[in-house]
Amino acid sequence: MSILDAGKDLRRANTLAGILFRYGFGDVIRRLGLAAPLEQAGKLVRHGVDRDLLTMPPAERLRRALEEMGPTFVKLGQILATRVDMFPREWIDEFEKLQDNAPPIPYDTLLPLIEKALGKPVGKVFRDIDPEPLGVASIGQVHKATTLRGEAVVLKIQKPGIRDKIDSDLRLLRHLARLGVDNSAELRRYRPLELVREFERSLSRELDFTTEARNADRIRKNLRRINWVTVPRVYWQYTSATLSVQELVEGIPARRLDKLDEAGIDRPLIARRGATIAWKMALEDGFFHADPHPGNFLIMPGNRIGMLDYGMVGKLSHGRREQMVQIMKAVVTQEAEGCAAVLASWSDGQPVKFEALVADVEDIVTLYYGVPLAELDVTALLADITGLLRNHNLVLPSDIALLIKAIITLEGFGRLIHPGFDVMSEAEPLIRRMIRARYSPNRLARSLGLRALEAVDKLYAPPPAVGTPKPEGTGIDPRQMERLVARLERSQYRQVQTMLTASGVLCGSLLLGHRVMPVVWDISLPGLLILMSSGVWAGWLLLVARRHLRMWD
């Protein structure tokens, strides 16, 4: 970093510290160890605390401070809004209110940037560009335009100098995170270094407009068979890292309920359709819009939905989707250990008190005893689970955090459109299909084959060298191992019973078919007896299975 950059960063740090002081967060600066360096540099902030601001709740004061600190910190707050495992509900609600209150930039200032991105004068690409912006965000500004072929499009132009300002803020955030880890045990539990790294990755993707365009293209392809949803088409011949050109989608903003009613829109249907596409993206495609708030939806004629803004998306691997289904299944079937096992896998290598975790999970799942899947209050369940994660110092994976944030936002959107909206009603059929696929014979055979190959590989693997230390964090709680072994034994016992029942049915059928003596009324008595016994046995096994999975029928 050059001396010039150091001087800019110090001035920026002074400005940010002044904002924090004014909003009553001076203690944070002192605990981070920043007061002394600022004073030594002759930049100690002399601002007093604004007493009027102190009447506000701390969460609201922080939200207002972040808005005043500029675009980088607005984006940081929006990322923090996804960390439901780290912050209580009232803080998340405030983070979600963060708005980009940036003033518009004159079109004449943006024109050279547009031509630089295009590599040619705008007149050779566009018939006209509306100088009045459609929207202004912290990173970009949006204008309506028409191509020479008469196509209505929108241009998203990156603001001048925004990258340098964000780079400076990121350097400060990295430094603050290190200070937080070194000086405050309270701040360490929030894992500031990991948060900053996650934020840097998110912001670097957002600064490259081609990333958002690729996201839109991928979701458009995934939803192509649903004819009542519109995802804007990307004009790749004009799109670059600093300029995005997409199809103009016009409709009624979802939050304008009065306009929706005037247009005769079926609001309950819109709410259900919004939930359908959201769950499909998350659980079936594994690639979803992570910010489904009303501002990103336009309602079009025929109860069609237009989705906008693909800067924040989430990705869920197949394994992650399986974990989410396992958690919901474990809650409905009252399997606290199964749910706890998934949560324990999010320990990030830290030791977990598994018995205490199981006990706390049992307290949660009993709240949902007898509740059908369709009636499950998923937002309350997620709130309970994230509170449990905080208590056990577990780390919610960032992809799961984005999904939870999307579900909570989706429920708010649905209930705004239709107060009787239930976010789980549209998820139920999809989750049932996933569970049936999970326990299908083909899937079982494939899994058994893979396990067999793994077992053979371990047999052929060379033994570990004598004295090789055991890696930390790989120990298994003996009590947990006992439970796993017991469950495996029960599973194997039921498999043997099933095989014997199937053999009995086959044997009885053969005896009946060949009329094996003694025969009464042309029916083989041994065959009839074996077949009836096998049928009773099969019925009993089905009853046990139904009782175990009673809520999933």
Protein backbone atom coordinates (compact mmCIF):
# COMPACT_ATOMS: atom_id res chain seq x y z
CA MET A 1 0.00 0.00 0.00
CA SER A 2 1.39 3.40 -1.01
CA ILE A 3 1.80 6.40 1.32
CA LEU A 4 -1.00 8.10 -0.63
CA ASP A 5 -3.31 5.14 0.03
CA ALA A 6 -2.30 5.18 3.70
CA GLY A 7 -3.20 8.87 3.95
CA LYS A 8 -6.58 8.27 2.26
CA ASP A 9 -7.29 5.34 4.55
CA LEU A 10 -6.47 7.38 7.65
CA ARG A 11 -8.80 10.18 6.57
CA ARG A 12 -11.51 7.63 5.80
CA ALA A 13 -10.98 5.96 9.19
CA ASN A 14 -11.35 9.33 10.87
CA THR A 15 -14.62 9.99 9.03
CA LEU A 16 -16.02 6.57 9.92
CA ALA A 17 -14.94 6.94 13.56
CA GLY A 18 -16.71 10.31 13.70
CA ILE A 19 -19.95 8.71 12.50
CA LEU A 20 -19.68 5.92 15.06
CA PHE A 21 -18.97 8.41 17.85
CA ARG A 22 -21.99 10.50 16.89
CA TYR A 23 -24.29 7.47 16.95
CA GLY A 24 -23.05 6.42 20.38
CA PHE A 25 -20.63 3.64 19.37
CA GLY A 26 -17.44 5.25 20.70
CA ASP A 27 -16.91 2.30 23.04
CA VAL A 28 -16.57 0.05 19.99
CA ILE A 29 -13.71 2.22 18.67
CA ARG A 30 -11.93 2.10 22.02
CA ARG A 31 -12.39 -1.67 22.40
CA LEU A 32 -10.98 -2.18 18.90
CA GLY A 33 -7.90 -0.21 19.93
CA LEU A 34 -8.42 2.51 17.32
CA ALA A 35 -8.57 5.54 19.61
CA ALA A 36 -4.81 5.59 20.31
CA PRO A 37 -3.64 5.32 16.66
CA LEU A 38 -6.06 8.05 15.62
CA GLU A 39 -4.87 10.32 18.43
CA GLN A 40 -1.20 9.71 17.62
CA ALA A 41 -1.88 10.64 14.00
CA GLY A 42 -3.49 13.87 15.14
CA LYS A 43 -6.84 12.72 13.83
CA LEU A 44 -8.68 11.95 17.04
CA VAL A 45 -12.34 12.53 16.46
CA ARG A 46 -13.67 15.42 18.55
CA HIS A 47 -17.32 14.86 17.69
CA GLY A 48 -19.70 14.54 20.60
CA VAL A 49 -22.51 12.06 20.89
CA ASP A 50 -25.84 13.16 19.44
CA ARG A 51 -28.15 12.84 22.46
CA ASP A 52 -31.27 12.67 20.27
CA LEU A 53 -29.89 9.60 18.53
CA LEU A 54 -29.35 7.82 21.84
CA THR A 55 -33.11 7.58 22.31
CA MET A 56 -33.20 5.08 19.44
CA PRO A 57 -32.64 1.33 19.97
CA PRO A 58 -29.01 0.25 19.33
CA ALA A 59 -29.99 -1.77 16.24
CA GLU A 60 -31.62 1.26 14.60
CA ARG A 61 -28.66 3.49 15.48
CA LEU A 62 -26.26 1.04 13.86
CA ARG A 63 -28.43 0.81 10.75
CA ARG A 64 -28.49 4.61 10.39
CA ALA A 65 -24.73 4.79 10.97
CA LEU A 66 -24.09 2.21 8.24
CA GLU A 67 -26.25 4.18 5.79
CA GLU A 68 -24.27 7.34 6.53
CA MET A 69 -20.95 5.52 6.18
CA GLY A 70 -21.63 4.82 2.51
CA PRO A 71 -22.15 2.04 -0.04
CA THR A 72 -19.58 -0.43 1.28
CA PHE A 73 -21.15 -0.45 4.72
CA VAL A 74 -24.68 -0.56 3.35
CA LYS A 75 -23.65 -3.74 1.51
CA LEU A 76 -21.99 -5.04 4.69
CA GLY A 77 -25.25 -4.52 6.58
CA GLN A 78 -27.15 -6.38 3.87
CA ILE A 79 -24.74 -9.30 4.26
CA LEU A 80 -25.16 -9.18 8.05
CA ALA A 81 -28.92 -9.43 7.47
CA THR A 82 -28.30 -13.01 6.29
CA ARG A 83 -26.48 -14.01 9.48
CA VAL A 84 -29.50 -15.06 11.51
CA ASP A 85 -27.20 -17.35 13.49
CA MET A 86 -25.21 -14.40 14.85
CA PHE A 87 -27.76 -11.64 15.45
CA PRO A 88 -31.17 -11.62 17.14
CA ARG A 89 -34.34 -10.92 15.16
CA GLU A 90 -34.55 -7.19 15.97
CA TRP A 91 -31.05 -6.59 14.55
CA ILE A 92 -31.80 -8.61 11.41
CA ASP A 93 -34.98 -6.57 10.88
CA GLU A 94 -32.99 -3.34 11.01
CA PHE A 95 -30.26 -4.63 8.68
CA GLU A 96 -32.97 -5.56 6.16
CA LYS A 97 -34.16 -1.93 6.14
CA LEU A 98 -30.83 -0.69 4.81
CA GLN A 99 -31.41 1.39 1.71
CA ASP A 100 -29.07 2.83 -0.89
CA ASN A 101 -29.79 6.53 -0.36
CA ALA A 102 -27.29 7.62 -2.98
CA PRO A 103 -28.04 10.76 -5.04
CA PRO A 104 -28.29 10.30 -8.83
CA ILE A 105 -25.27 11.01 -10.99
CA PRO A 106 -25.87 13.31 -14.00
CA TYR A 107 -26.23 11.41 -17.27
CA ASP A 108 -23.50 13.52 -18.89
CA THR A 109 -21.05 12.19 -16.30
CA LEU A 110 -22.02 8.58 -17.08
CA LEU A 111 -21.99 8.93 -20.89
CA PRO A 112 -18.17 8.58 -21.28
CA LEU A 113 -18.29 5.46 -19.05
CA ILE A 114 -21.01 3.91 -21.22
CA GLU A 115 -19.06 4.58 -24.42
CA LYS A 116 -15.85 3.21 -22.87
CA ALA A 117 -17.65 -0.01 -21.88
CA LEU A 118 -19.24 -0.33 -25.34
CA GLY A 119 -16.05 0.56 -27.18
CA LYS A 120 -18.02 2.83 -29.54
CA PRO A 121 -20.33 5.88 -29.45
CA VAL A 122 -23.74 5.17 -27.93
CA GLY A 123 -25.43 6.30 -31.17
CA LYS A 124 -24.07 3.19 -32.91
CA VAL A 125 -25.86 0.91 -30.43
CA PHE A 126 -28.85 2.76 -28.98
CA ARG A 127 -31.52 4.88 -30.61
CA ASP A 128 -31.99 6.79 -27.38
CA ILE A 129 -31.19 6.65 -23.66
CA ASP A 130 -33.46 8.25 -21.08
CA PRO A 131 -31.29 10.72 -19.08
CA GLU A 132 -33.57 10.32 -16.05
CA PRO A 133 -32.56 7.22 -14.05
CA LEU A 134 -35.04 4.45 -13.34
CA GLY A 135 -33.19 3.67 -10.13
CA VAL A 136 -30.07 4.61 -8.19
CA ALA A 137 -28.14 2.11 -6.09
CA SER A 138 -24.87 2.32 -4.20
CA ILE A 139 -22.82 0.71 -6.96
CA GLY A 140 -24.75 1.39 -10.15
CA GLN A 141 -27.39 3.54 -11.78
CA VAL A 142 -30.12 2.26 -14.10
CA HIS A 143 -31.42 3.99 -17.25
CA LYS A 144 -34.03 2.98 -19.79
CA ALA A 145 -32.91 2.81 -23.44
CA THR A 146 -33.95 1.61 -26.90
CA THR A 147 -31.64 -0.26 -29.25
CA LEU A 148 -31.32 0.57 -32.95
CA ARG A 149 -33.55 -2.46 -33.62
CA GLY A 150 -36.29 -0.98 -31.41
CA GLU A 151 -35.80 -3.28 -28.40
CA ALA A 152 -36.59 -1.78 -25.00
CA VAL A 153 -33.71 -2.41 -22.60
CA VAL A 154 -32.27 -1.17 -19.31
CA LEU A 155 -28.67 -0.10 -18.79
CA LYS A 156 -26.98 -0.57 -15.43
CA ILE A 157 -23.85 1.58 -15.31
CA GLN A 158 -21.18 1.27 -12.62
CA LYS A 159 -20.58 4.56 -10.84
CA PRO A 160 -17.25 6.32 -11.41
CA GLY A 161 -14.62 5.84 -8.71
CA ILE A 162 -16.73 3.33 -6.78
CA ARG A 163 -14.15 0.54 -6.99
CA ASP A 164 -11.35 2.66 -5.43
CA LYS A 165 -13.64 3.73 -2.59
CA ILE A 166 -14.71 0.16 -1.91
CA ASP A 167 -11.10 -1.09 -2.02
CA SER A 168 -10.17 1.51 0.62
CA ASP A 169 -13.11 0.50 2.81
CA LEU A 170 -12.23 -3.18 2.48
CA ARG A 171 -8.65 -2.50 3.64
CA LEU A 172 -10.09 -0.75 6.71
CA LEU A 173 -12.52 -3.59 7.37
CA ARG A 174 -9.73 -6.18 7.24
CA HIS A 175 -7.73 -4.10 9.72
CA LEU A 176 -10.76 -3.64 11.98
CA ALA A 177 -11.48 -7.38 11.90
CA ARG A 178 -7.91 -8.19 12.99
CA LEU A 179 -8.15 -5.61 15.79
CA GLY A 180 -11.46 -7.10 16.87
CA VAL A 181 -10.01 -10.60 17.08
CA ASP A 182 -6.95 -9.34 19.02
CA ASN A 183 -8.71 -7.02 21.48
CA SER A 184 -12.22 -8.26 22.17
CA ALA A 185 -13.37 -11.73 23.25
CA GLU A 186 -16.97 -10.56 22.75
CA LEU A 187 -16.33 -9.62 19.12
CA ARG A 188 -14.37 -12.84 18.48
CA ARG A 189 -17.54 -14.91 18.85
CA TYR A 190 -18.92 -13.14 15.76
CA ARG A 191 -15.90 -14.35 13.71
CA PRO A 192 -15.13 -10.96 12.14
CA LEU A 193 -12.33 -12.23 9.88
CA GLU A 194 -14.60 -14.85 8.33
CA LEU A 195 -17.36 -12.28 7.91
CA VAL A 196 -15.05 -9.84 6.14
CA ARG A 197 -13.75 -12.57 3.82
CA GLU A 198 -17.32 -13.58 2.97
CA PHE A 199 -18.20 -9.92 2.39
CA GLU A 200 -15.18 -9.39 0.11
CA ARG A 201 -16.19 -12.35 -2.05
CA SER A 202 -19.76 -11.12 -2.29
CA LEU A 203 -18.77 -7.54 -3.10
CA SER A 204 -16.18 -8.53 -5.70
CA ARG A 205 -18.86 -10.54 -7.51
CA GLU A 206 -21.27 -7.61 -7.32
CA LEU A 207 -18.70 -5.20 -8.76
CA ASP A 208 -18.45 -7.38 -11.87
CA PHE A 209 -21.76 -6.93 -13.70
CA THR A 210 -21.11 -9.99 -15.86
CA THR A 211 -21.56 -12.12 -12.72
CA GLU A 212 -25.07 -10.80 -12.18
CA ALA A 213 -25.81 -11.33 -15.87
CA ARG A 214 -24.65 -14.96 -15.67
CA ASN A 215 -26.85 -15.45 -12.61
CA ALA A 216 -29.86 -14.13 -14.53
CA ASP A 217 -29.10 -16.39 -17.49
CA ARG A 218 -28.77 -19.47 -15.29
CA ILE A 219 -32.04 -18.84 -13.43
CA ARG A 220 -33.79 -18.00 -16.72
CA LYS A 221 -32.69 -21.38 -18.09
CA ASN A 222 -33.79 -23.24 -14.94
CA LEU A 223 -37.26 -21.64 -15.04
CA ARG A 224 -37.77 -21.81 -18.80
CA ARG A 225 -40.59 -24.38 -18.52
CA ILE A 226 -42.67 -22.13 -16.23
CA ASN A 227 -44.58 -19.85 -18.59
CA TRP A 228 -45.87 -17.44 -15.92
CA VAL A 229 -42.46 -16.20 -14.76
CA THR A 230 -40.23 -13.78 -16.70
CA VAL A 231 -36.49 -13.39 -16.18
CA PRO A 232 -34.95 -10.56 -18.26
CA ARG A 233 -32.80 -11.62 -21.21
CA VAL A 234 -29.18 -10.46 -21.17
CA TYR A 235 -27.73 -8.67 -24.21
CA TRP A 236 -24.27 -10.15 -23.98
CA GLN A 237 -22.92 -8.23 -26.99
CA TYR A 238 -23.18 -5.02 -24.95
CA THR A 239 -22.58 -6.33 -21.41
CA SER A 240 -19.23 -6.00 -19.61
CA ALA A 241 -17.84 -5.74 -16.09
CA THR A 242 -19.02 -2.12 -15.75
CA LEU A 243 -22.11 -2.12 -17.96
CA SER A 244 -25.07 -4.49 -17.96
CA VAL A 245 -27.73 -4.41 -20.69
CA GLN A 246 -30.87 -6.45 -20.12
CA GLU A 247 -34.39 -6.73 -21.48
CA LEU A 248 -36.84 -4.20 -20.02
CA VAL A 249 -39.50 -5.92 -17.90
CA GLU A 250 -42.53 -3.78 -17.16
CA GLY A 251 -45.26 -4.43 -14.63
CA ILE A 252 -46.79 -3.30 -11.36
CA PRO A 253 -44.38 -3.28 -8.37
CA ALA A 254 -45.45 -6.06 -5.99
CA ARG A 255 -45.69 -3.67 -3.04
CA ARG A 256 -48.34 -1.53 -4.80
CA LEU A 257 -51.34 -3.48 -3.54
CA ASP A 258 -53.82 -0.81 -4.63
CA LYS A 259 -52.56 -0.98 -8.22
CA LEU A 260 -52.69 -4.79 -8.15
CA ASP A 261 -56.32 -4.71 -7.07
CA GLU A 262 -57.19 -2.13 -9.74
CA ALA A 263 -55.63 -4.40 -12.39
CA GLY A 264 -57.66 -7.41 -11.18
CA ILE A 265 -54.59 -9.38 -10.07
CA ASP A 266 -55.24 -12.58 -8.12
CA ARG A 267 -53.09 -11.82 -5.08
CA PRO A 268 -53.33 -15.28 -3.38
CA LEU A 269 -52.29 -16.88 -6.68
CA ILE A 270 -49.32 -14.49 -7.00
CA ALA A 271 -48.20 -15.36 -3.46
CA ARG A 272 -48.40 -19.10 -4.19
CA ARG A 273 -46.58 -18.72 -7.50
CA GLY A 274 -43.82 -16.69 -5.87
CA ALA A 275 -43.33 -19.43 -3.29
CA THR A 276 -43.39 -22.15 -5.97
CA ILE A 277 -40.55 -20.64 -7.99
CA ALA A 278 -38.55 -19.78 -4.86
CA TRP A 279 -38.71 -23.36 -3.50
CA LYS A 280 -38.00 -24.82 -6.94
CA MET A 281 -34.87 -22.69 -7.28
CA ALA A 282 -33.63 -23.57 -3.79
CA LEU A 283 -34.46 -27.27 -3.36
CA GLU A 284 -34.61 -28.55 -6.94
CA ASP A 285 -32.12 -26.37 -8.86
CA GLY A 286 -29.77 -25.54 -5.98
CA PHE A 287 -29.36 -22.00 -7.36
CA PHE A 288 -31.76 -19.38 -6.03
CA HIS A 289 -32.59 -15.69 -5.84
CA ALA A 290 -31.42 -14.80 -2.32
CA ASP A 291 -33.29 -11.50 -1.99
CA PRO A 292 -36.96 -12.15 -2.90
CA HIS A 293 -38.39 -8.94 -1.43
CA PRO A 294 -41.35 -7.13 -3.07
CA GLY A 295 -39.06 -4.57 -4.74
CA ASN A 296 -37.54 -7.32 -6.89
CA PHE A 297 -40.89 -8.56 -8.25
CA LEU A 298 -43.07 -7.00 -10.93
CA ILE A 299 -46.60 -8.31 -11.45
CA MET A 300 -47.55 -8.54 -15.12
CA PRO A 301 -50.89 -9.09 -16.92
CA GLY A 302 -52.28 -12.63 -16.62
CA ASN A 303 -50.93 -13.03 -13.05
CA ARG A 304 -47.41 -13.40 -14.41
CA ILE A 305 -44.32 -12.55 -12.35
CA GLY A 306 -41.21 -10.70 -13.47
CA MET A 307 -38.10 -11.19 -11.32
CA LEU A 308 -35.36 -8.55 -11.15
CA ASP A 309 -31.92 -8.00 -9.58
CA TYR A 310 -29.69 -11.09 -9.52
CA GLY A 311 -26.78 -9.54 -7.62
CA MET A 312 -27.43 -11.71 -4.54
CA VAL A 313 -27.91 -15.39 -5.29
CA GLY A 314 -27.39 -18.52 -3.24
CA LYS A 315 -26.00 -21.92 -4.20
CA LEU A 316 -26.91 -25.15 -2.45
CA SER A 317 -25.01 -28.34 -3.21
CA HIS A 318 -26.90 -31.61 -3.29
CA GLY A 319 -25.49 -32.42 0.14
CA ARG A 320 -26.73 -29.14 1.60
CA ARG A 321 -30.23 -29.71 0.19
CA GLU A 322 -30.18 -33.18 1.73
CA GLN A 323 -29.26 -31.66 5.09
CA MET A 324 -32.19 -29.23 4.96
CA VAL A 325 -34.60 -32.07 4.13
CA GLN A 326 -33.07 -34.18 6.92
CA ILE A 327 -33.65 -31.38 9.45
CA MET A 328 -37.30 -30.92 8.46
CA LYS A 329 -37.87 -34.70 8.42
CA ALA A 330 -36.19 -35.08 11.82
CA VAL A 331 -38.41 -32.36 13.30
CA VAL A 332 -41.63 -33.86 11.93
CA THR A 333 -40.71 -37.44 12.93
CA GLN A 334 -39.28 -36.33 16.31
CA GLU A 335 -35.77 -37.63 15.60
CA ALA A 336 -33.72 -35.21 17.71
CA GLU A 337 -30.49 -37.14 17.21
CA GLY A 338 -30.77 -36.96 13.42
CA CYS A 339 -31.27 -33.21 13.53
CA ALA A 340 -28.45 -32.76 16.06
CA ALA A 341 -26.09 -34.81 13.89
CA VAL A 342 -26.63 -32.40 10.98
CA LEU A 343 -26.11 -29.35 13.21
CA ALA A 344 -22.98 -30.87 14.75
CA SER A 345 -21.48 -31.18 11.27
CA TRP A 346 -21.50 -27.35 11.19
CA SER A 347 -19.07 -27.11 14.12
CA ASP A 348 -16.22 -25.84 11.90
CA GLY A 349 -13.82 -28.23 13.62
CA GLN A 350 -14.69 -27.03 17.13
CA PRO A 351 -15.56 -29.57 19.86
CA VAL A 352 -19.30 -30.14 20.31
CA LYS A 353 -21.07 -31.28 23.48
CA PHE A 354 -23.29 -33.65 21.58
CA GLU A 355 -25.45 -34.80 24.51
CA ALA A 356 -26.28 -31.19 25.41
CA LEU A 357 -27.00 -30.44 21.75
CA VAL A 358 -29.37 -33.42 21.48
CA ALA A 359 -31.16 -32.33 24.65
CA ASP A 360 -31.68 -28.80 23.29
CA VAL A 361 -32.83 -30.14 19.92
CA GLU A 362 -35.32 -32.39 21.72
CA ASP A 363 -36.76 -29.31 23.43
CA ILE A 364 -37.32 -27.76 19.99
CA VAL A 365 -38.74 -30.77 18.15
CA THR A 366 -41.26 -31.47 20.91
CA LEU A 367 -42.79 -28.07 20.16
CA TYR A 368 -43.72 -29.43 16.72
CA TYR A 369 -45.01 -32.83 17.84
CA GLY A 370 -47.93 -33.95 15.67
CA VAL A 371 -47.64 -30.95 13.32
CA PRO A 372 -48.06 -31.99 9.66
CA LEU A 373 -45.42 -30.81 7.22
CA ALA A 374 -47.82 -28.45 5.44
CA GLU A 375 -48.61 -26.69 8.72
CA LEU A 376 -45.01 -26.42 9.93
CA ASP A 377 -44.09 -22.84 10.90
CA VAL A 378 -40.76 -22.89 9.11
CA THR A 379 -39.72 -19.35 10.09
CA ALA A 380 -40.30 -20.08 13.80
CA LEU A 381 -38.44 -23.38 13.42
CA LEU A 382 -35.49 -21.65 11.73
CA ALA A 383 -35.43 -18.98 14.44
CA ASP A 384 -35.32 -21.70 17.12
CA ILE A 385 -32.53 -23.57 15.36
CA THR A 386 -30.39 -20.47 14.75
CA GLY A 387 -30.79 -19.48 18.41
CA LEU A 388 -29.59 -22.96 19.34
CA LEU A 389 -26.57 -22.55 17.05
CA ARG A 390 -25.61 -19.34 18.85
CA ASN A 391 -25.88 -21.07 22.24
CA HIS A 392 -23.61 -23.94 21.13
CA ASN A 393 -21.13 -21.74 19.26
CA LEU A 394 -21.86 -23.53 15.98
CA VAL A 395 -21.28 -21.87 12.61
CA LEU A 396 -24.17 -21.62 10.20
CA PRO A 397 -22.76 -22.27 6.69
CA SER A 398 -23.03 -19.16 4.53
CA ASP A 399 -25.12 -20.95 1.88
CA ILE A 400 -27.62 -22.12 4.51
CA ALA A 401 -27.64 -18.60 5.99
CA LEU A 402 -28.60 -17.19 2.58
CA LEU A 403 -31.37 -19.78 2.21
CA ILE A 404 -32.80 -18.96 5.65
CA LYS A 405 -32.68 -15.26 4.85
CA ALA A 406 -34.44 -15.92 1.53
CA ILE A 407 -37.17 -18.00 3.23
CA ILE A 408 -37.82 -15.30 5.84
CA THR A 409 -37.90 -12.58 3.15
CA LEU A 410 -40.17 -14.74 0.99
CA GLU A 411 -42.64 -15.18 3.83
CA GLY A 412 -42.74 -11.41 4.34
CA PHE A 413 -43.36 -10.91 0.61
CA GLY A 414 -46.09 -13.55 0.53
CA ARG A 415 -47.94 -12.16 3.54
CA LEU A 416 -47.77 -8.64 2.13
CA ILE A 417 -49.48 -9.88 -1.04
CA HIS A 418 -51.87 -12.25 0.77
CA PRO A 419 -52.20 -12.18 4.60
CA GLY A 420 -53.21 -15.87 4.67
CA PHE A 421 -50.03 -16.98 2.87
CA ASP A 422 -48.21 -20.06 4.22
CA VAL A 423 -44.64 -20.44 3.00
CA MET A 424 -44.58 -24.23 3.57
CA SER A 425 -47.74 -25.07 1.61
CA GLU A 426 -45.92 -24.83 -1.73
CA ALA A 427 -42.79 -26.53 -0.42
CA GLU A 428 -44.56 -29.65 0.83
CA PRO A 429 -45.00 -31.48 -2.53
CA LEU A 430 -41.40 -30.79 -3.51
CA ILE A 431 -40.04 -31.97 -0.15
CA ARG A 432 -42.14 -35.14 -0.36
CA ARG A 433 -40.72 -35.86 -3.83
CA MET A 434 -37.19 -35.34 -2.51
CA ILE A 435 -37.83 -37.74 0.40
CA ARG A 436 -39.31 -40.39 -1.91
CA ALA A 437 -36.30 -40.04 -4.20
CA ARG A 438 -33.97 -40.25 -1.18
CA TYR A 439 -35.41 -43.62 -0.12
CA SER A 440 -36.10 -45.04 -3.57
CA PRO A 441 -34.75 -48.55 -4.40
CA ASN A 442 -32.49 -47.13 -7.14
CA ARG A 443 -30.98 -44.58 -4.75
CA LEU A 444 -30.56 -47.26 -2.07
CA ALA A 445 -28.83 -49.63 -4.49
CA ARG A 446 -26.52 -46.86 -5.70
CA SER A 447 -25.64 -45.86 -2.13
CA LEU A 448 -24.97 -49.47 -1.12
CA GLY A 449 -22.69 -49.85 -4.12
CA LEU A 450 -20.72 -46.76 -3.19
CA ARG A 451 -20.41 -47.87 0.44
CA ALA A 452 -19.16 -51.27 -0.71
CA LEU A 453 -16.50 -49.63 -2.89
CA GLU A 454 -15.43 -47.42 0.02
CA ALA A 455 -15.13 -50.46 2.25
CA VAL A 456 -12.97 -52.27 -0.34
CA ASP A 457 -10.76 -49.18 -0.74
CA LYS A 458 -10.19 -49.10 3.01
CA LEU A 459 -9.23 -52.79 3.03
CA TYR A 460 -6.60 -52.17 0.34
CA ALA A 461 -5.36 -48.91 1.89
CA PRO A 462 -1.93 -49.19 3.60
CA PRO A 463 -2.05 -49.13 7.42
CA PRO A 464 -1.09 -45.84 9.09
CA ALA A 465 2.52 -45.49 10.17
CA VAL A 466 3.24 -46.28 13.82
CA GLY A 467 3.21 -43.13 15.92
CA THR A 468 1.27 -41.07 13.39
CA PRO A 469 -0.61 -38.47 15.42
CA LYS A 470 -4.36 -38.42 15.10
CA PRO A 471 -5.61 -35.17 13.52
CA GLU A 472 -7.41 -32.83 15.89
CA GLY A 473 -11.18 -32.64 15.64
CA THR A 474 -11.55 -36.19 14.25
CA GLY A 475 -12.52 -37.83 17.54
CA ILE A 476 -16.00 -39.33 17.85
CA ASP A 477 -18.05 -39.24 21.00
CA PRO A 478 -18.34 -42.93 22.12
CA ARG A 479 -21.96 -42.39 23.15
CA GLN A 480 -22.76 -41.01 19.73
CA MET A 481 -21.01 -44.01 18.15
CA GLU A 482 -23.10 -46.37 20.31
CA ARG A 483 -26.31 -44.74 19.13
CA LEU A 484 -25.20 -44.90 15.50
CA VAL A 485 -24.28 -48.58 15.86
CA ALA A 486 -27.64 -49.32 17.51
CA ARG A 487 -29.54 -47.58 14.70
CA LEU A 488 -27.49 -49.46 12.10
CA GLU A 489 -28.24 -52.77 13.82
CA ARG A 490 -31.98 -51.99 13.91
CA SER A 491 -31.86 -51.07 10.23
CA GLN A 492 -30.07 -54.31 9.34
CA TYR A 493 -32.56 -56.31 11.43
CA ARG A 494 -35.49 -54.78 9.53
CA GLN A 495 -33.77 -55.47 6.20
CA VAL A 496 -33.39 -59.15 7.18
CA GLN A 497 -37.08 -59.27 8.19
CA THR A 498 -38.07 -57.74 4.86
CA MET A 499 -35.97 -60.26 2.93
CA LEU A 500 -37.49 -63.18 4.90
CA THR A 501 -41.00 -61.84 4.30
CA ALA A 502 -40.35 -61.52 0.57
CA SER A 503 -38.93 -65.07 0.54
CA GLY A 504 -42.05 -66.33 2.36
CA VAL A 505 -44.34 -64.69 -0.20
CA LEU A 506 -42.33 -66.21 -3.04
CA CYS A 507 -42.24 -69.67 -1.42
CA GLY A 508 -45.97 -69.63 -0.63
CA SER A 509 -46.79 -68.56 -4.18
CA LEU A 510 -44.70 -71.41 -5.61
CA LEU A 511 -46.35 -73.98 -3.32
CA LEU A 512 -49.81 -72.71 -4.28
CA GLY A 513 -48.93 -72.72 -7.97
CA HIS A 514 -47.65 -76.32 -7.86
CA ARG A 515 -50.51 -77.49 -5.55
CA VAL A 516 -48.13 -79.10 -3.08
CA MET A 517 -49.90 -81.67 -0.87
CA PRO A 518 -52.02 -81.68 1.21
CA VAL A 519 -54.56 -79.96 -1.05
CA VAL A 520 -58.06 -78.88 0.02
CA TRP A 521 -60.48 -77.42 -2.57
CA ASP A 522 -57.62 -77.41 -5.05
CA ILE A 523 -55.58 -75.13 -2.74
CA SER A 524 -52.21 -76.16 -1.26
CA LEU A 525 -52.54 -75.82 2.51
CA PRO A 526 -48.75 -75.34 3.15
CA GLY A 527 -48.63 -72.67 0.46
CA LEU A 528 -51.72 -70.89 1.82
CA LEU A 529 -50.38 -70.99 5.39
CA ILE A 530 -46.93 -69.64 4.41
CA LEU A 531 -48.47 -66.93 2.20
CA MET A 532 -50.89 -65.78 4.91
CA SER A 533 -48.14 -65.73 7.54
CA SER A 534 -45.90 -63.71 5.25
CA GLY A 535 -48.76 -61.30 4.55
CA VAL A 536 -49.36 -60.74 8.28
CA TRP A 537 -45.64 -60.26 8.82
CA ALA A 538 -45.44 -57.78 5.91
CA GLY A 539 -48.46 -55.91 7.30
CA TRP A 540 -46.76 -55.60 10.67
CA LEU A 541 -43.56 -54.28 9.08
CA LEU A 542 -45.57 -51.71 7.09
CA LEU A 543 -47.35 -50.62 10.27
CA VAL A 544 -44.01 -50.10 12.05
CA ALA A 545 -42.66 -48.13 9.09
CA ARG A 546 -45.85 -46.06 8.90
CA ARG A 547 -45.68 -45.24 12.61
CA HIS A 548 -42.04 -44.19 12.19
CA LEU A 549 -42.76 -41.96 9.19
CA ARG A 550 -46.39 -41.17 10.01
CA MET A 551 -46.22 -37.52 8.98
CA TRP A 552 -44.78 -38.18 5.52
CA ASP A 553 -47.61 -40.27 4.03
